[in-house]
PDB file of all heavy atoms in Angstrom:
ATOM      1  N   GLY A   1      46.004  -0.307  -8.439  1.00  0.00           N
ATOM      2  CA  GLY A   1      46.853   0.076  -7.358  1.00  0.00           C
ATOM      3  C   GLY A   1      45.970   0.789  -6.355  1.00  0.00           C
ATOM      4  O   GLY A   1      44.808   0.965  -6.574  1.00  0.00           O
ATOM      5  N   PRO A   2      46.534   1.298  -5.146  1.00  0.00           N
ATOM      6  CA  PRO A   2      45.665   1.974  -4.249  1.00  0.00           C
ATOM      7  C   PRO A   2      45.118   3.276  -4.696  1.00  0.00           C
ATOM      8  O   PRO A   2      45.834   4.018  -5.398  1.00  0.00           O
ATOM      9  CB  PRO A   2      46.606   2.024  -3.045  1.00  0.00           C
ATOM     10  CG  PRO A   2      48.004   2.072  -3.649  1.00  0.00           C
ATOM     11  CD  PRO A   2      47.868   1.173  -4.835  1.00  0.00           C
ATOM     12  N   TRP A   3      43.916   3.548  -4.353  1.00  0.00           N
ATOM     13  CA  TRP A   3      43.413   4.894  -4.593  1.00  0.00           C
ATOM     14  C   TRP A   3      43.560   5.782  -3.341  1.00  0.00           C
ATOM     15  O   TRP A   3      43.381   5.352  -2.243  1.00  0.00           O
ATOM     16  CB  TRP A   3      41.793   4.768  -4.865  1.00  0.00           C
ATOM     17  CG  TRP A   3      41.509   4.126  -6.250  1.00  0.00           C
ATOM     18  CD1 TRP A   3      42.075   3.057  -6.763  1.00  0.00           C
ATOM     19  CD2 TRP A   3      40.493   4.631  -7.133  1.00  0.00           C
ATOM     20  NE1 TRP A   3      41.555   2.781  -7.992  1.00  0.00           N
ATOM     21  CE2 TRP A   3      40.549   3.659  -8.290  1.00  0.00           C
ATOM     22  CE3 TRP A   3      39.613   5.675  -7.160  1.00  0.00           C
ATOM     23  CZ2 TRP A   3      39.759   3.889  -9.319  1.00  0.00           C
ATOM     24  CZ3 TRP A   3      38.744   5.809  -8.220  1.00  0.00           C
ATOM     25  CH2 TRP A   3      38.777   4.894  -9.306  1.00  0.00           C
ATOM     26  N   ALA A   4      43.638   7.104  -3.594  1.00  0.00           N
ATOM     27  CA  ALA A   4      43.779   8.036  -2.544  1.00  0.00           C
ATOM     28  C   ALA A   4      42.407   8.633  -2.169  1.00  0.00           C
ATOM     29  O   ALA A   4      41.436   8.344  -2.827  1.00  0.00           O
ATOM     30  CB  ALA A   4      44.681   9.240  -2.930  1.00  0.00           C
ATOM     31  N   GLU A   5      42.420   9.418  -1.140  1.00  0.00           N
ATOM     32  CA  GLU A   5      41.314  10.280  -0.608  1.00  0.00           C
ATOM     33  C   GLU A   5      40.099   9.438  -0.002  1.00  0.00           C
ATOM     34  O   GLU A   5      39.090  10.005   0.293  1.00  0.00           O
ATOM     35  CB  GLU A   5      40.765  11.093  -1.813  1.00  0.00           C
ATOM     36  CG  GLU A   5      41.791  12.109  -2.322  1.00  0.00           C
ATOM     37  CD  GLU A   5      41.217  12.889  -3.424  1.00  0.00           C
ATOM     38  OE1 GLU A   5      40.028  13.043  -3.611  1.00  0.00           O
ATOM     39  OE2 GLU A   5      42.044  13.512  -4.185  1.00  0.00           O
ATOM     40  N   GLY A   6      40.247   8.182   0.112  1.00  0.00           N
ATOM     41  CA  GLY A   6      39.132   7.394   0.766  1.00  0.00           C
ATOM     42  C   GLY A   6      39.250   5.915   0.477  1.00  0.00           C
ATOM     43  O   GLY A   6      40.108   5.471  -0.307  1.00  0.00           O
ATOM     44  N   GLY A   7      38.480   5.202   1.140  1.00  0.00           N
ATOM     45  CA  GLY A   7      38.528   3.735   0.957  1.00  0.00           C
ATOM     46  C   GLY A   7      39.574   2.968   1.780  1.00  0.00           C
ATOM     47  O   GLY A   7      40.322   3.612   2.533  1.00  0.00           O
ATOM     48  N   MET A   8      39.611   1.707   1.662  1.00  0.00           N
ATOM     49  CA  MET A   8      40.456   0.869   2.494  1.00  0.00           C
ATOM     50  C   MET A   8      41.863   1.132   2.448  1.00  0.00           C
ATOM     51  O   MET A   8      42.663   1.144   3.372  1.00  0.00           O
ATOM     52  CB  MET A   8      40.239  -0.631   2.163  1.00  0.00           C
ATOM     53  CG  MET A   8      40.868  -1.610   3.045  1.00  0.00           C
ATOM     54  SD  MET A   8      40.247  -3.292   2.716  1.00  0.00           S
ATOM     55  CE  MET A   8      40.684  -3.347   0.970  1.00  0.00           C
ATOM     56  N   ALA A   9      42.477   1.466   1.192  1.00  0.00           N
ATOM     57  CA  ALA A   9      43.876   1.589   0.985  1.00  0.00           C
ATOM     58  C   ALA A   9      44.332   3.005   1.524  1.00  0.00           C
ATOM     59  O   ALA A   9      45.505   3.190   1.787  1.00  0.00           O
ATOM     60  CB  ALA A   9      44.119   1.567  -0.514  1.00  0.00           C
ATOM     61  N   ALA A  10      43.387   3.894   1.715  1.00  0.00           N
ATOM     62  CA  ALA A  10      43.750   5.193   2.219  1.00  0.00           C
ATOM     63  C   ALA A  10      43.739   5.307   3.674  1.00  0.00           C
ATOM     64  O   ALA A  10      44.236   6.365   4.285  1.00  0.00           O
ATOM     65  CB  ALA A  10      42.938   6.314   1.535  1.00  0.00           C
ATOM     66  N   THR A  11      43.073   4.487   4.341  1.00  0.00           N
ATOM     67  CA  THR A  11      42.950   4.464   5.821  1.00  0.00           C
ATOM     68  C   THR A  11      43.283   3.181   6.495  1.00  0.00           C
ATOM     69  O   THR A  11      43.474   2.160   5.826  1.00  0.00           O
ATOM     70  CB  THR A  11      41.485   4.831   6.104  1.00  0.00           C
ATOM     71  OG1 THR A  11      40.617   3.828   5.594  1.00  0.00           O
ATOM     72  CG2 THR A  11      41.012   6.183   5.574  1.00  0.00           C
ATOM     73  N   GLY A  12      43.286   3.220   7.846  1.00  0.00           N
ATOM     74  CA  GLY A  12      43.538   2.002   8.544  1.00  0.00           C
ATOM     75  C   GLY A  12      44.855   1.332   8.418  1.00  0.00           C
ATOM     76  O   GLY A  12      45.767   1.932   7.909  1.00  0.00           O
ATOM     77  N   ARG A  13      44.984   0.074   8.763  1.00  0.00           N
ATOM     78  CA  ARG A  13      46.282  -0.613   8.783  1.00  0.00           C
ATOM     79  C   ARG A  13      46.776  -0.751   7.343  1.00  0.00           C
ATOM     80  O   ARG A  13      47.987  -0.555   7.115  1.00  0.00           O
ATOM     81  CB  ARG A  13      45.986  -1.978   9.381  1.00  0.00           C
ATOM     82  CG  ARG A  13      47.284  -2.762   9.569  1.00  0.00           C
ATOM     83  CD  ARG A  13      48.085  -2.289  10.835  1.00  0.00           C
ATOM     84  NE  ARG A  13      49.307  -2.916  10.984  1.00  0.00           N
ATOM     85  CZ  ARG A  13      49.436  -4.021  11.772  1.00  0.00           C
ATOM     86  NH1 ARG A  13      48.331  -4.544  12.303  1.00  0.00           N
ATOM     87  NH2 ARG A  13      50.560  -4.628  11.836  1.00  0.00           N
ATOM     88  N   ALA A  14      45.872  -0.995   6.400  1.00  0.00           N
ATOM     89  CA  ALA A  14      46.380  -1.193   5.045  1.00  0.00           C
ATOM     90  C   ALA A  14      47.017   0.157   4.489  1.00  0.00           C
ATOM     91  O   ALA A  14      48.048   0.124   3.890  1.00  0.00           O
ATOM     92  CB  ALA A  14      45.233  -1.567   4.065  1.00  0.00           C
ATOM     93  N   GLY A  15      46.362   1.242   4.839  1.00  0.00           N
ATOM     94  CA  GLY A  15      46.955   2.599   4.464  1.00  0.00           C
ATOM     95  C   GLY A  15      48.281   2.821   5.050  1.00  0.00           C
ATOM     96  O   GLY A  15      49.185   3.357   4.420  1.00  0.00           O
ATOM     97  N   GLU A  16      48.413   2.400   6.374  1.00  0.00           N
ATOM     98  CA  GLU A  16      49.719   2.586   7.086  1.00  0.00           C
ATOM     99  C   GLU A  16      50.841   1.817   6.351  1.00  0.00           C
ATOM    100  O   GLU A  16      51.943   2.298   6.199  1.00  0.00           O
ATOM    101  CB  GLU A  16      49.556   2.145   8.461  1.00  0.00           C
ATOM    102  CG  GLU A  16      48.673   3.045   9.325  1.00  0.00           C
ATOM    103  CD  GLU A  16      48.548   2.452  10.763  1.00  0.00           C
ATOM    104  OE1 GLU A  16      49.337   1.414  11.101  1.00  0.00           O
ATOM    105  OE2 GLU A  16      47.663   2.964  11.511  1.00  0.00           O
ATOM    106  N   ARG A  17      50.495   0.701   5.883  1.00  0.00           N
ATOM    107  CA  ARG A  17      51.508  -0.162   5.218  1.00  0.00           C
ATOM    108  C   ARG A  17      51.890   0.400   3.871  1.00  0.00           C
ATOM    109  O   ARG A  17      53.104   0.322   3.406  1.00  0.00           O
ATOM    110  CB  ARG A  17      50.949  -1.554   5.067  1.00  0.00           C
ATOM    111  CG  ARG A  17      50.825  -2.427   6.361  1.00  0.00           C
ATOM    112  CD  ARG A  17      50.683  -3.843   6.009  1.00  0.00           C
ATOM    113  NE  ARG A  17      50.402  -4.571   7.200  1.00  0.00           N
ATOM    114  CZ  ARG A  17      51.368  -4.929   8.041  1.00  0.00           C
ATOM    115  NH1 ARG A  17      52.580  -4.652   7.928  1.00  0.00           N
ATOM    116  NH2 ARG A  17      51.061  -5.668   9.182  1.00  0.00           N
ATOM    117  N   LEU A  18      50.901   1.073   3.177  1.00  0.00           N
ATOM    118  CA  LEU A  18      51.241   1.551   1.780  1.00  0.00           C
ATOM    119  C   LEU A  18      51.894   2.858   1.845  1.00  0.00           C
ATOM    120  O   LEU A  18      52.693   3.102   0.957  1.00  0.00           O
ATOM    121  CB  LEU A  18      49.845   1.634   1.087  1.00  0.00           C
ATOM    122  CG  LEU A  18      49.204   0.335   0.673  1.00  0.00           C
ATOM    123  CD1 LEU A  18      47.741   0.552   0.220  1.00  0.00           C
ATOM    124  CD2 LEU A  18      50.038  -0.354  -0.465  1.00  0.00           C
ATOM    125  N   ARG A  19      51.684   3.679   2.818  1.00  0.00           N
ATOM    126  CA  ARG A  19      52.361   5.023   2.868  1.00  0.00           C
ATOM    127  C   ARG A  19      53.833   4.802   2.900  1.00  0.00           C
ATOM    128  O   ARG A  19      54.327   4.099   3.797  1.00  0.00           O
ATOM    129  CB  ARG A  19      51.756   5.839   4.065  1.00  0.00           C
ATOM    130  CG  ARG A  19      50.423   6.427   3.712  1.00  0.00           C
ATOM    131  CD  ARG A  19      50.039   7.432   4.771  1.00  0.00           C
ATOM    132  NE  ARG A  19      49.649   6.813   6.008  1.00  0.00           N
ATOM    133  CZ  ARG A  19      48.437   6.307   6.312  1.00  0.00           C
ATOM    134  NH1 ARG A  19      47.489   6.464   5.443  1.00  0.00           N
ATOM    135  NH2 ARG A  19      48.193   5.805   7.542  1.00  0.00           N
ATOM    136  N   GLY A  20      54.517   5.509   2.064  1.00  0.00           N
ATOM    137  CA  GLY A  20      55.973   5.466   2.023  1.00  0.00           C
ATOM    138  C   GLY A  20      56.487   4.192   1.284  1.00  0.00           C
ATOM    139  O   GLY A  20      57.674   3.962   1.210  1.00  0.00           O
ATOM    140  N   GLY A  21      55.569   3.379   0.736  1.00  0.00           N
ATOM    141  CA  GLY A  21      55.980   2.260  -0.062  1.00  0.00           C
ATOM    142  C   GLY A  21      56.160   2.657  -1.528  1.00  0.00           C
ATOM    143  O   GLY A  21      56.201   3.750  -1.958  1.00  0.00           O
ATOM    144  N   SER A  22      56.379   1.563  -2.391  1.00  0.00           N
ATOM    145  CA  SER A  22      56.613   1.744  -3.799  1.00  0.00           C
ATOM    146  C   SER A  22      55.309   1.936  -4.636  1.00  0.00           C
ATOM    147  O   SER A  22      55.493   2.100  -5.832  1.00  0.00           O
ATOM    148  CB  SER A  22      57.397   0.594  -4.268  1.00  0.00           C
ATOM    149  OG  SER A  22      56.782  -0.626  -4.012  1.00  0.00           O
ATOM    150  N   LEU A  23      54.152   1.812  -4.029  1.00  0.00           N
ATOM    151  CA  LEU A  23      52.903   2.088  -4.724  1.00  0.00           C
ATOM    152  C   LEU A  23      52.125   3.191  -4.102  1.00  0.00           C
ATOM    153  O   LEU A  23      51.176   2.899  -3.246  1.00  0.00           O
ATOM    154  CB  LEU A  23      52.030   0.844  -4.757  1.00  0.00           C
ATOM    155  CG  LEU A  23      52.333  -0.125  -5.989  1.00  0.00           C
ATOM    156  CD1 LEU A  23      53.563  -0.935  -5.779  1.00  0.00           C
ATOM    157  CD2 LEU A  23      51.149  -1.106  -6.174  1.00  0.00           C
ATOM    158  N   PRO A  24      52.408   4.446  -4.306  1.00  0.00           N
ATOM    159  CA  PRO A  24      51.723   5.505  -3.663  1.00  0.00           C
ATOM    160  C   PRO A  24      50.218   5.539  -4.129  1.00  0.00           C
ATOM    161  O   PRO A  24      50.033   5.196  -5.289  1.00  0.00           O
ATOM    162  CB  PRO A  24      52.471   6.736  -4.098  1.00  0.00           C
ATOM    163  CG  PRO A  24      53.155   6.342  -5.352  1.00  0.00           C
ATOM    164  CD  PRO A  24      53.523   4.931  -5.219  1.00  0.00           C
ATOM    165  N   PRO A  25      49.299   5.945  -3.343  1.00  0.00           N
ATOM    166  CA  PRO A  25      47.936   6.006  -3.713  1.00  0.00           C
ATOM    167  C   PRO A  25      47.679   7.023  -4.902  1.00  0.00           C
ATOM    168  O   PRO A  25      48.281   7.995  -4.938  1.00  0.00           O
ATOM    169  CB  PRO A  25      47.178   6.501  -2.422  1.00  0.00           C
ATOM    170  CG  PRO A  25      48.130   6.134  -1.304  1.00  0.00           C
ATOM    171  CD  PRO A  25      49.453   6.272  -1.864  1.00  0.00           C
ATOM    172  N   MET A  26      46.815   6.576  -5.831  1.00  0.00           N
ATOM    173  CA  MET A  26      46.524   7.400  -7.011  1.00  0.00           C
ATOM    174  C   MET A  26      45.420   8.444  -6.760  1.00  0.00           C
ATOM    175  O   MET A  26      44.451   8.188  -6.075  1.00  0.00           O
ATOM    176  CB  MET A  26      46.088   6.442  -8.101  1.00  0.00           C
ATOM    177  CG  MET A  26      47.061   5.417  -8.511  1.00  0.00           C
ATOM    178  SD  MET A  26      46.432   4.282  -9.823  1.00  0.00           S
ATOM    179  CE  MET A  26      45.118   3.476  -8.883  1.00  0.00           C
ATOM    180  N   ALA A  27      45.542   9.544  -7.358  1.00  0.00           N
ATOM    181  CA  ALA A  27      44.463  10.581  -7.335  1.00  0.00           C
ATOM    182  C   ALA A  27      43.254   9.986  -8.094  1.00  0.00           C
ATOM    183  O   ALA A  27      43.365   9.480  -9.257  1.00  0.00           O
ATOM    184  CB  ALA A  27      44.930  11.868  -8.027  1.00  0.00           C
ATOM    185  N   PRO A  28      42.038  10.062  -7.504  1.00  0.00           N
ATOM    186  CA  PRO A  28      40.837   9.424  -8.157  1.00  0.00           C
ATOM    187  C   PRO A  28      40.627   9.907  -9.604  1.00  0.00           C
ATOM    188  O   PRO A  28      40.201   9.178 -10.434  1.00  0.00           O
ATOM    189  CB  PRO A  28      39.737   9.764  -7.228  1.00  0.00           C
ATOM    190  CG  PRO A  28      40.433   9.898  -5.901  1.00  0.00           C
ATOM    191  CD  PRO A  28      41.724  10.449  -6.197  1.00  0.00           C
ATOM    192  N   SER A  29      40.734  11.228  -9.865  1.00  0.00           N
ATOM    193  CA  SER A  29      40.582  11.781 -11.160  1.00  0.00           C
ATOM    194  C   SER A  29      41.396  11.050 -12.209  1.00  0.00           C
ATOM    195  O   SER A  29      41.019  10.758 -13.321  1.00  0.00           O
ATOM    196  CB  SER A  29      40.795  13.259 -11.209  1.00  0.00           C
ATOM    197  OG  SER A  29      42.164  13.578 -10.818  1.00  0.00           O
ATOM    198  N   LEU A  30      42.711  10.844 -11.830  1.00  0.00           N
ATOM    199  CA  LEU A  30      43.643  10.125 -12.800  1.00  0.00           C
ATOM    200  C   LEU A  30      43.224   8.681 -12.943  1.00  0.00           C
ATOM    201  O   LEU A  30      43.305   8.141 -14.119  1.00  0.00           O
ATOM    202  CB  LEU A  30      45.014  10.258 -12.315  1.00  0.00           C
ATOM    203  CG  LEU A  30      45.679  11.659 -12.322  1.00  0.00           C
ATOM    204  CD1 LEU A  30      47.057  11.570 -11.711  1.00  0.00           C
ATOM    205  CD2 LEU A  30      45.719  12.213 -13.765  1.00  0.00           C
ATOM    206  N   ALA A  31      42.819   8.069 -11.905  1.00  0.00           N
ATOM    207  CA  ALA A  31      42.368   6.752 -11.909  1.00  0.00           C
ATOM    208  C   ALA A  31      41.117   6.449 -12.790  1.00  0.00           C
ATOM    209  O   ALA A  31      41.050   5.536 -13.569  1.00  0.00           O
ATOM    210  CB  ALA A  31      42.149   6.146 -10.499  1.00  0.00           C
ATOM    211  N   VAL A  32      40.221   7.379 -12.668  1.00  0.00           N
ATOM    212  CA  VAL A  32      38.988   7.303 -13.576  1.00  0.00           C
ATOM    213  C   VAL A  32      39.364   7.454 -15.078  1.00  0.00           C
ATOM    214  O   VAL A  32      38.878   6.716 -15.904  1.00  0.00           O
ATOM    215  CB  VAL A  32      37.931   8.389 -13.138  1.00  0.00           C
ATOM    216  CG1 VAL A  32      36.748   8.391 -14.134  1.00  0.00           C
ATOM    217  CG2 VAL A  32      37.463   8.003 -11.740  1.00  0.00           C
ATOM    218  N   ASP A  33      40.279   8.357 -15.366  1.00  0.00           N
ATOM    219  CA  ASP A  33      40.764   8.525 -16.703  1.00  0.00           C
ATOM    220  C   ASP A  33      41.392   7.262 -17.185  1.00  0.00           C
ATOM    221  O   ASP A  33      41.200   6.828 -18.346  1.00  0.00           O
ATOM    222  CB  ASP A  33      41.774   9.740 -16.746  1.00  0.00           C
ATOM    223  CG  ASP A  33      41.123  11.079 -16.737  1.00  0.00           C
ATOM    224  OD1 ASP A  33      39.869  11.172 -16.900  1.00  0.00           O
ATOM    225  OD2 ASP A  33      41.830  12.014 -16.426  1.00  0.00           O
ATOM    226  N   ALA A  34      42.136   6.596 -16.329  1.00  0.00           N
ATOM    227  CA  ALA A  34      42.807   5.328 -16.669  1.00  0.00           C
ATOM    228  C   ALA A  34      41.792   4.260 -17.009  1.00  0.00           C
ATOM    229  O   ALA A  34      41.858   3.421 -17.911  1.00  0.00           O
ATOM    230  CB  ALA A  34      43.800   4.955 -15.578  1.00  0.00           C
ATOM    231  N   LEU A  35      40.666   4.213 -16.104  1.00  0.00           N
ATOM    232  CA  LEU A  35      39.648   3.288 -16.334  1.00  0.00           C
ATOM    233  C   LEU A  35      38.964   3.465 -17.725  1.00  0.00           C
ATOM    234  O   LEU A  35      38.684   2.454 -18.477  1.00  0.00           O
ATOM    235  CB  LEU A  35      38.653   3.397 -15.274  1.00  0.00           C
ATOM    236  CG  LEU A  35      37.367   2.532 -15.342  1.00  0.00           C
ATOM    237  CD1 LEU A  35      37.741   1.028 -15.316  1.00  0.00           C
ATOM    238  CD2 LEU A  35      36.396   2.753 -14.204  1.00  0.00           C
TER     239      LEU A  35
END
């Protein structure tokens, strides 16, 4: 899913589409734990 705090999903047009949607950006620390 999208990562927060940087990268394509957190900025630009893609970020605009994701904000307020059903897949909120994940905190990187939690995403690394999941990895």
